[in-house]
């Protein structure tokens, strides 16, 4: 059974724009990231990205995760590790 979901991008019918207001910015980022992480797109795009571009994404994502998630949240929300214990 799949543990990841990308339902937002399938259901969102609001405005996709950045800089309009905070709520729209948040929804736009979710929409963009879910579209961006699509398997078919990533299989095509990732091999074309430079080492620096790959590192930039990796560093940005990890910085956000470390800043905003506790260790338990990281394991349950990001890793989807339901069996993680301290």
PDB file of N, CA and C in Angstrom:
ATOM      1  N   UNK A   1       0.823  -1.185   0.000  1.00  0.00           N
ATOM      2  CA  UNK A   1       0.000   0.000   0.000  1.00  0.00           C
ATOM      3  C   UNK A   1       0.874   1.259   0.000  1.00  0.00           C
ATOM      4  N   UNK A   2       0.575   2.185  -0.859  1.00  0.00           N
ATOM      5  CA  UNK A   2       1.364   3.408  -0.959  1.00  0.00           C
ATOM      6  C   UNK A   2       1.186   4.268   0.291  1.00  0.00           C
ATOM      7  N   UNK A   3       2.282   4.856   0.755  1.00  0.00           N
ATOM      8  CA  UNK A   3       2.206   5.686   1.942  1.00  0.00           C
ATOM      9  C   UNK A   3       2.309   7.174   1.605  1.00  0.00           C
ATOM     10  N   UNK A   4       2.635   7.495   0.350  1.00  0.00           N
ATOM     11  CA  UNK A   4       2.734   8.889  -0.061  1.00  0.00           C
ATOM     12  C   UNK A   4       1.467   9.295  -0.802  1.00  0.00           C
ATOM     13  N   UNK A   5       1.104  10.557  -0.677  1.00  0.00           N
ATOM     14  CA  UNK A   5      -0.069  11.044  -1.393  1.00  0.00           C
ATOM     15  C   UNK A   5       0.253  12.354  -2.100  1.00  0.00           C
ATOM     16  N   UNK A   6      -0.360  12.538  -3.237  1.00  0.00           N
ATOM     17  CA  UNK A   6      -0.247  13.785  -3.991  1.00  0.00           C
ATOM     18  C   UNK A   6      -1.651  14.193  -4.435  1.00  0.00           C
ATOM     19  N   UNK A   7      -2.585  14.171  -3.503  1.00  0.00           N
ATOM     20  CA  UNK A   7      -3.983  14.443  -3.822  1.00  0.00           C
ATOM     21  C   UNK A   7      -4.256  15.912  -4.108  1.00  0.00           C
ATOM     22  N   UNK A   8      -3.513  16.803  -3.464  1.00  0.00           N
ATOM     23  CA  UNK A   8      -3.787  18.230  -3.596  1.00  0.00           C
ATOM     24  C   UNK A   8      -3.786  18.672  -5.059  1.00  0.00           C
ATOM     25  N   UNK A   9      -2.758  18.267  -5.786  1.00  0.00           N
ATOM     26  CA  UNK A   9      -2.613  18.693  -7.184  1.00  0.00           C
ATOM     27  C   UNK A   9      -3.757  18.165  -8.054  1.00  0.00           C
ATOM     28  N   UNK A  10      -4.330  17.048  -7.663  1.00  0.00           N
ATOM     29  CA  UNK A  10      -5.429  16.461  -8.436  1.00  0.00           C
ATOM     30  C   UNK A  10      -6.758  17.160  -8.157  1.00  0.00           C
ATOM     31  N   UNK A  11      -6.867  17.800  -6.992  1.00  0.00           N
ATOM     32  CA  UNK A  11      -8.146  18.367  -6.574  1.00  0.00           C
ATOM     33  C   UNK A  11      -8.189  19.889  -6.572  1.00  0.00           C
ATOM     34  N   UNK A  12      -7.024  20.537  -6.530  1.00  0.00           N
ATOM     35  CA  UNK A  12      -6.977  21.994  -6.411  1.00  0.00           C
ATOM     36  C   UNK A  12      -7.448  22.667  -7.694  1.00  0.00           C
ATOM     37  N   UNK A  13      -8.412  23.568  -7.564  1.00  0.00           N
ATOM     38  CA  UNK A  13      -8.880  24.298  -8.740  1.00  0.00           C
ATOM     39  C   UNK A  13      -8.803  25.805  -8.509  1.00  0.00           C
ATOM     40  N   UNK A  14      -7.994  26.196  -7.536  1.00  0.00           N
ATOM     41  CA  UNK A  14      -7.820  27.612  -7.236  1.00  0.00           C
ATOM     42  C   UNK A  14      -6.755  28.248  -8.102  1.00  0.00           C
ATOM     43  N   UNK A  15      -6.434  29.473  -7.772  1.00  0.00           N
ATOM     44  CA  UNK A  15      -5.441  30.229  -8.535  1.00  0.00           C
ATOM     45  C   UNK A  15      -4.046  29.676  -8.280  1.00  0.00           C
ATOM     46  N   UNK A  16      -3.268  29.532  -9.352  1.00  0.00           N
ATOM     47  CA  UNK A  16      -1.861  29.166  -9.245  1.00  0.00           C
ATOM     48  C   UNK A  16      -1.072  30.422  -9.609  1.00  0.00           C
ATOM     49  N   UNK A  17      -0.572  31.084  -8.578  1.00  0.00           N
ATOM     50  CA  UNK A  17       0.169  32.325  -8.758  1.00  0.00           C
ATOM     51  C   UNK A  17       1.031  32.550  -7.529  1.00  0.00           C
ATOM     52  N   UNK A  18       2.107  33.283  -7.701  1.00  0.00           N
ATOM     53  CA  UNK A  18       2.962  33.574  -6.557  1.00  0.00           C
ATOM     54  C   UNK A  18       3.045  35.081  -6.374  1.00  0.00           C
ATOM     55  N   UNK A  19       2.932  35.513  -5.116  1.00  0.00           N
ATOM     56  CA  UNK A  19       3.033  36.925  -4.804  1.00  0.00           C
ATOM     57  C   UNK A  19       1.688  37.614  -4.660  1.00  0.00           C
ATOM     58  N   UNK A  20       0.612  36.867  -4.789  1.00  0.00           N
ATOM     59  CA  UNK A  20      -0.735  37.435  -4.653  1.00  0.00           C
ATOM     60  C   UNK A  20      -1.087  37.619  -3.183  1.00  0.00           C
ATOM     61  N   UNK A  21      -1.050  36.530  -2.427  1.00  0.00           N
ATOM     62  CA  UNK A  21      -1.204  36.579  -0.976  1.00  0.00           C
ATOM     63  C   UNK A  21      -0.607  35.309  -0.393  1.00  0.00           C
ATOM     64  N   UNK A  22      -0.430  35.297   0.924  1.00  0.00           N
ATOM     65  CA  UNK A  22       0.253  34.177   1.583  1.00  0.00           C
ATOM     66  C   UNK A  22      -0.452  32.845   1.333  1.00  0.00           C
ATOM     67  N   UNK A  23      -1.774  32.806   1.464  1.00  0.00           N
ATOM     68  CA  UNK A  23      -2.527  31.565   1.293  1.00  0.00           C
ATOM     69  C   UNK A  23      -2.351  31.014  -0.123  1.00  0.00           C
ATOM     70  N   UNK A  24      -2.436  31.880  -1.120  1.00  0.00           N
ATOM     71  CA  UNK A  24      -2.253  31.449  -2.509  1.00  0.00           C
ATOM     72  C   UNK A  24      -0.811  30.997  -2.742  1.00  0.00           C
ATOM     73  N   UNK A  25       0.146  31.697  -2.147  1.00  0.00           N
ATOM     74  CA  UNK A  25       1.555  31.288  -2.268  1.00  0.00           C
ATOM     75  C   UNK A  25       1.753  29.873  -1.737  1.00  0.00           C
ATOM     76  N   UNK A  26       1.178  29.579  -0.559  1.00  0.00           N
ATOM     77  CA  UNK A  26       1.311  28.243   0.032  1.00  0.00           C
ATOM     78  C   UNK A  26       0.699  27.183  -0.878  1.00  0.00           C
ATOM     79  N   UNK A  27      -0.506  27.443  -1.368  1.00  0.00           N
ATOM     80  CA  UNK A  27      -1.176  26.475  -2.240  1.00  0.00           C
ATOM     81  C   UNK A  27      -0.433  26.301  -3.551  1.00  0.00           C
ATOM     82  N   UNK A  28       0.130  27.395  -4.081  1.00  0.00           N
ATOM     83  CA  UNK A  28       0.894  27.331  -5.329  1.00  0.00           C
ATOM     84  C   UNK A  28       2.145  26.485  -5.156  1.00  0.00           C
ATOM     85  N   UNK A  29       2.833  26.616  -4.013  1.00  0.00           N
ATOM     86  CA  UNK A  29       4.040  25.821  -3.760  1.00  0.00           C
ATOM     87  C   UNK A  29       3.693  24.340  -3.663  1.00  0.00           C
ATOM     88  N   UNK A  30       2.603  24.009  -2.968  1.00  0.00           N
ATOM     89  CA  UNK A  30       2.173  22.607  -2.881  1.00  0.00           C
ATOM     90  C   UNK A  30       1.867  22.080  -4.282  1.00  0.00           C
ATOM     91  N   UNK A  31       1.112  22.844  -5.050  1.00  0.00           N
ATOM     92  CA  UNK A  31       0.736  22.474  -6.421  1.00  0.00           C
ATOM     93  C   UNK A  31       1.992  22.264  -7.281  1.00  0.00           C
ATOM     94  N   UNK A  32       2.902  23.220  -7.256  1.00  0.00           N
ATOM     95  CA  UNK A  32       4.131  23.130  -8.062  1.00  0.00           C
ATOM     96  C   UNK A  32       4.982  21.927  -7.668  1.00  0.00           C
ATOM     97  N   UNK A  33       5.174  21.736  -6.355  1.00  0.00           N
ATOM     98  CA  UNK A  33       6.028  20.639  -5.901  1.00  0.00           C
ATOM     99  C   UNK A  33       5.431  19.282  -6.236  1.00  0.00           C
ATOM    100  N   UNK A  34       4.104  19.151  -6.123  1.00  0.00           N
ATOM    101  CA  UNK A  34       3.475  17.878  -6.459  1.00  0.00           C
ATOM    102  C   UNK A  34       3.569  17.617  -7.965  1.00  0.00           C
ATOM    103  N   UNK A  35       3.399  18.642  -8.773  1.00  0.00           N
ATOM    104  CA  UNK A  35       3.550  18.470 -10.217  1.00  0.00           C
ATOM    105  C   UNK A  35       5.013  18.173 -10.560  1.00  0.00           C
ATOM    106  N   UNK A  36       5.923  18.884  -9.905  1.00  0.00           N
ATOM    107  CA  UNK A  36       7.349  18.749 -10.163  1.00  0.00           C
ATOM    108  C   UNK A  36       7.859  17.350  -9.834  1.00  0.00           C
ATOM    109  N   UNK A  37       7.322  16.754  -8.761  1.00  0.00           N
ATOM    110  CA  UNK A  37       7.806  15.445  -8.314  1.00  0.00           C
ATOM    111  C   UNK A  37       7.138  14.278  -9.043  1.00  0.00           C
ATOM    112  N   UNK A  38       6.313  14.573 -10.016  1.00  0.00           N
ATOM    113  CA  UNK A  38       5.677  13.518 -10.818  1.00  0.00           C
ATOM    114  C   UNK A  38       6.736  12.555 -11.360  1.00  0.00           C
ATOM    115  N   UNK A  39       6.486  11.266 -11.243  1.00  0.00           N
ATOM    116  CA  UNK A  39       7.459  10.251 -11.667  1.00  0.00           C
ATOM    117  C   UNK A  39       7.912  10.442 -13.109  1.00  0.00           C
ATOM    118  N   UNK A  40       6.966  10.636 -14.021  1.00  0.00           N
ATOM    119  CA  UNK A  40       7.309  10.751 -15.436  1.00  0.00           C
ATOM    120  C   UNK A  40       8.167  11.989 -15.704  1.00  0.00           C
ATOM    121  N   UNK A  41       7.788  13.105 -15.083  1.00  0.00           N
ATOM    122  CA  UNK A  41       8.562  14.332 -15.260  1.00  0.00           C
ATOM    123  C   UNK A  41       9.966  14.178 -14.688  1.00  0.00           C
ATOM    124  N   UNK A  42      10.075  13.635 -13.484  1.00  0.00           N
ATOM    125  CA  UNK A  42      11.382  13.518 -12.828  1.00  0.00           C
ATOM    126  C   UNK A  42      12.314  12.558 -13.557  1.00  0.00           C
ATOM    127  N   UNK A  43      11.760  11.475 -14.113  1.00  0.00           N
ATOM    128  CA  UNK A  43      12.607  10.548 -14.887  1.00  0.00           C
ATOM    129  C   UNK A  43      13.223  11.263 -16.077  1.00  0.00           C
ATOM    130  N   UNK A  44      12.521  12.237 -16.621  1.00  0.00           N
ATOM    131  CA  UNK A  44      13.007  13.019 -17.759  1.00  0.00           C
ATOM    132  C   UNK A  44      13.931  14.149 -17.316  1.00  0.00           C
ATOM    133  N   UNK A  45      13.548  14.828 -16.231  1.00  0.00           N
ATOM    134  CA  UNK A  45      14.245  16.049 -15.823  1.00  0.00           C
ATOM    135  C   UNK A  45      15.509  15.812 -15.003  1.00  0.00           C
ATOM    136  N   UNK A  46      15.459  14.886 -14.046  1.00  0.00           N
ATOM    137  CA  UNK A  46      16.597  14.695 -13.131  1.00  0.00           C
ATOM    138  C   UNK A  46      17.912  14.409 -13.861  1.00  0.00           C
ATOM    139  N   UNK A  47      17.922  13.536 -14.879  1.00  0.00           N
ATOM    140  CA  UNK A  47      19.186  13.285 -15.571  1.00  0.00           C
ATOM    141  C   UNK A  47      19.752  14.515 -16.290  1.00  0.00           C
ATOM    142  N   UNK A  48      18.909  15.481 -16.578  1.00  0.00           N
ATOM    143  CA  UNK A  48      19.361  16.688 -17.278  1.00  0.00           C
ATOM    144  C   UNK A  48      19.849  17.776 -16.331  1.00  0.00           C
ATOM    145  N   UNK A  49      19.533  17.632 -15.048  1.00  0.00           N
ATOM    146  CA  UNK A  49      19.934  18.641 -14.065  1.00  0.00           C
ATOM    147  C   UNK A  49      21.426  18.534 -13.769  1.00  0.00           C
ATOM    148  N   UNK A  50      22.054  19.674 -13.565  1.00  0.00           N
ATOM    149  CA  UNK A  50      23.480  19.689 -13.230  1.00  0.00           C
ATOM    150  C   UNK A  50      23.687  19.195 -11.801  1.00  0.00           C
ATOM    151  N   UNK A  51      24.920  18.849 -11.478  1.00  0.00           N
ATOM    152  CA  UNK A  51      25.250  18.450 -10.108  1.00  0.00           C
ATOM    153  C   UNK A  51      24.863  19.559  -9.134  1.00  0.00           C
ATOM    154  N   UNK A  52      25.104  20.806  -9.534  1.00  0.00           N
ATOM    155  CA  UNK A  52      24.803  21.951  -8.678  1.00  0.00           C
ATOM    156  C   UNK A  52      23.292  22.090  -8.466  1.00  0.00           C
ATOM    157  N   UNK A  53      22.508  21.885  -9.515  1.00  0.00           N
ATOM    158  CA  UNK A  53      21.047  21.973  -9.383  1.00  0.00           C
ATOM    159  C   UNK A  53      20.523  20.881  -8.453  1.00  0.00           C
ATOM    160  N   UNK A  54      21.032  19.669  -8.606  1.00  0.00           N
ATOM    161  CA  UNK A  54      20.618  18.576  -7.726  1.00  0.00           C
ATOM    162  C   UNK A  54      20.960  18.904  -6.281  1.00  0.00           C
ATOM    163  N   UNK A  55      22.177  19.404  -6.060  1.00  0.00           N
ATOM    164  CA  UNK A  55      22.606  19.745  -4.706  1.00  0.00           C
ATOM    165  C   UNK A  55      21.756  20.876  -4.129  1.00  0.00           C
ATOM    166  N   UNK A  56      21.417  21.861  -4.948  1.00  0.00           N
ATOM    167  CA  UNK A  56      20.607  22.991  -4.510  1.00  0.00           C
ATOM    168  C   UNK A  56      19.248  22.524  -3.986  1.00  0.00           C
ATOM    169  N   UNK A  57      18.600  21.619  -4.726  1.00  0.00           N
ATOM    170  CA  UNK A  57      17.314  21.078  -4.279  1.00  0.00           C
ATOM    171  C   UNK A  57      17.483  20.290  -2.985  1.00  0.00           C
ATOM    172  N   UNK A  58      18.504  19.448  -2.938  1.00  0.00           N
ATOM    173  CA  UNK A  58      18.741  18.617  -1.767  1.00  0.00           C
ATOM    174  C   UNK A  58      18.959  19.482  -0.529  1.00  0.00           C
ATOM    175  N   UNK A  59      19.782  20.503  -0.640  1.00  0.00           N
ATOM    176  CA  UNK A  59      20.102  21.387   0.479  1.00  0.00           C
ATOM    177  C   UNK A  59      18.864  22.173   0.916  1.00  0.00           C
ATOM    178  N   UNK A  60      18.119  22.718  -0.034  1.00  0.00           N
ATOM    179  CA  UNK A  60      16.921  23.495   0.298  1.00  0.00           C
ATOM    180  C   UNK A  60      15.893  22.643   1.035  1.00  0.00           C
ATOM    181  N   UNK A  61      15.615  21.455   0.506  1.00  0.00           N
ATOM    182  CA  UNK A  61      14.623  20.571   1.126  1.00  0.00           C
ATOM    183  C   UNK A  61      15.069  20.180   2.530  1.00  0.00           C
ATOM    184  N   UNK A  62      16.326  19.783   2.677  1.00  0.00           N
ATOM    185  CA  UNK A  62      16.817  19.372   3.993  1.00  0.00           C
ATOM    186  C   UNK A  62      16.823  20.521   4.987  1.00  0.00           C
ATOM    187  N   UNK A  63      17.147  21.725   4.522  1.00  0.00           N
ATOM    188  CA  UNK A  63      17.126  22.892   5.408  1.00  0.00           C
ATOM    189  C   UNK A  63      15.708  23.123   5.928  1.00  0.00           C
ATOM    190  N   UNK A  64      14.715  23.048   5.061  1.00  0.00           N
ATOM    191  CA  UNK A  64      13.313  23.228   5.475  1.00  0.00           C
ATOM    192  C   UNK A  64      12.877  22.133   6.440  1.00  0.00           C
ATOM    193  N   UNK A  65      13.230  20.894   6.139  1.00  0.00           N
ATOM    194  CA  UNK A  65      12.855  19.781   7.006  1.00  0.00           C
ATOM    195  C   UNK A  65      13.461  19.944   8.394  1.00  0.00           C
ATOM    196  N   UNK A  66      14.765  20.245   8.462  1.00  0.00           N
ATOM    197  CA  UNK A  66      15.448  20.371   9.757  1.00  0.00           C
ATOM    198  C   UNK A  66      14.937  21.552  10.555  1.00  0.00           C
ATOM    199  N   UNK A  67      14.577  22.628   9.872  1.00  0.00           N
ATOM    200  CA  UNK A  67      14.124  23.837  10.559  1.00  0.00           C
ATOM    201  C   UNK A  67      12.720  23.682  11.134  1.00  0.00           C
ATOM    202  N   UNK A  68      11.840  22.979  10.435  1.00  0.00           N
ATOM    203  CA  UNK A  68      10.422  22.996  10.775  1.00  0.00           C
ATOM    204  C   UNK A  68       9.851  21.686  11.318  1.00  0.00           C
ATOM    205  N   UNK A  69      10.638  20.604  11.307  1.00  0.00           N
ATOM    206  CA  UNK A  69      10.135  19.322  11.810  1.00  0.00           C
ATOM    207  C   UNK A  69      10.959  18.826  12.982  1.00  0.00           C
ATOM    208  N   UNK A  70      10.279  18.281  13.986  1.00  0.00           N
ATOM    209  CA  UNK A  70      10.982  17.582  15.061  1.00  0.00           C
ATOM    210  C   UNK A  70      11.491  16.258  14.487  1.00  0.00           C
ATOM    211  N   UNK A  71      12.305  15.564  15.241  1.00  0.00           N
ATOM    212  CA  UNK A  71      12.816  14.264  14.804  1.00  0.00           C
ATOM    213  C   UNK A  71      11.667  13.293  14.529  1.00  0.00           C
ATOM    214  N   UNK A  72      10.695  13.262  15.450  1.00  0.00           N
ATOM    215  CA  UNK A  72       9.537  12.373  15.273  1.00  0.00           C
ATOM    216  C   UNK A  72       8.718  12.748  14.042  1.00  0.00           C
ATOM    217  N   UNK A  73       8.515  14.050  13.838  1.00  0.00           N
ATOM    218  CA  UNK A  73       7.775  14.501  12.655  1.00  0.00           C
ATOM    219  C   UNK A  73       8.522  14.142  11.374  1.00  0.00           C
ATOM    220  N   UNK A  74       9.839  14.290  11.387  1.00  0.00           N
ATOM    221  CA  UNK A  74      10.658  13.925  10.227  1.00  0.00           C
ATOM    222  C   UNK A  74      10.446  12.457   9.869  1.00  0.00           C
ATOM    223  N   UNK A  75      10.468  11.601  10.884  1.00  0.00           N
ATOM    224  CA  UNK A  75      10.302  10.163  10.637  1.00  0.00           C
ATOM    225  C   UNK A  75       8.884   9.808  10.205  1.00  0.00           C
ATOM    226  N   UNK A  76       7.894  10.404  10.837  1.00  0.00           N
ATOM    227  CA  UNK A  76       6.515  10.037  10.505  1.00  0.00           C
ATOM    228  C   UNK A  76       5.994  10.741   9.260  1.00  0.00           C
ATOM    229  N   UNK A  77       6.278  12.035   9.106  1.00  0.00           N
ATOM    230  CA  UNK A  77       5.710  12.808   8.001  1.00  0.00           C
ATOM    231  C   UNK A  77       6.531  12.732   6.721  1.00  0.00           C
ATOM    232  N   UNK A  78       7.871  12.760   6.838  1.00  0.00           N
ATOM    233  CA  UNK A  78       8.727  12.742   5.645  1.00  0.00           C
ATOM    234  C   UNK A  78       9.141  11.326   5.259  1.00  0.00           C
ATOM    235  N   UNK A  79       9.740  10.600   6.197  1.00  0.00           N
ATOM    236  CA  UNK A  79      10.203   9.242   5.884  1.00  0.00           C
ATOM    237  C   UNK A  79       9.059   8.239   5.824  1.00  0.00           C
ATOM    238  N   UNK A  80       7.915   8.582   6.426  1.00  0.00           N
ATOM    239  CA  UNK A  80       6.765   7.668   6.511  1.00  0.00           C
ATOM    240  C   UNK A  80       7.152   6.384   7.248  1.00  0.00           C
ATOM    241  N   UNK A  81       8.019   6.559   8.239  1.00  0.00           N
ATOM    242  CA  UNK A  81       8.499   5.446   9.053  1.00  0.00           C
ATOM    243  C   UNK A  81       7.602   5.302  10.276  1.00  0.00           C
ATOM    244  N   UNK A  82       6.577   4.481  10.140  1.00  0.00           N
ATOM    245  CA  UNK A  82       5.587   4.330  11.205  1.00  0.00           C
ATOM    246  C   UNK A  82       6.132   3.580  12.411  1.00  0.00           C
ATOM    247  N   UNK A  83       7.284   2.925  12.278  1.00  0.00           N
ATOM    248  CA  UNK A  83       7.826   2.101  13.346  1.00  0.00           C
ATOM    249  C   UNK A  83       8.978   2.767  14.075  1.00  0.00           C
ATOM    250  N   UNK A  84       9.187   4.057  13.820  1.00  0.00           N
ATOM    251  CA  UNK A  84      10.299   4.788  14.450  1.00  0.00           C
ATOM    252  C   UNK A  84      10.026   5.000  15.932  1.00  0.00           C
ATOM    253  N   UNK A  85      10.999   4.665  16.745  1.00  0.00           N
ATOM    254  CA  UNK A  85      10.927   4.908  18.183  1.00  0.00           C
ATOM    255  C   UNK A  85      12.249   5.510  18.614  1.00  0.00           C
ATOM    256  N   UNK A  86      12.213   6.342  19.639  1.00  0.00           N
ATOM    257  CA  UNK A  86      13.446   6.931  20.177  1.00  0.00           C
ATOM    258  C   UNK A  86      14.306   5.877  20.808  1.00  0.00           C
TER     259      UNK A  86
END
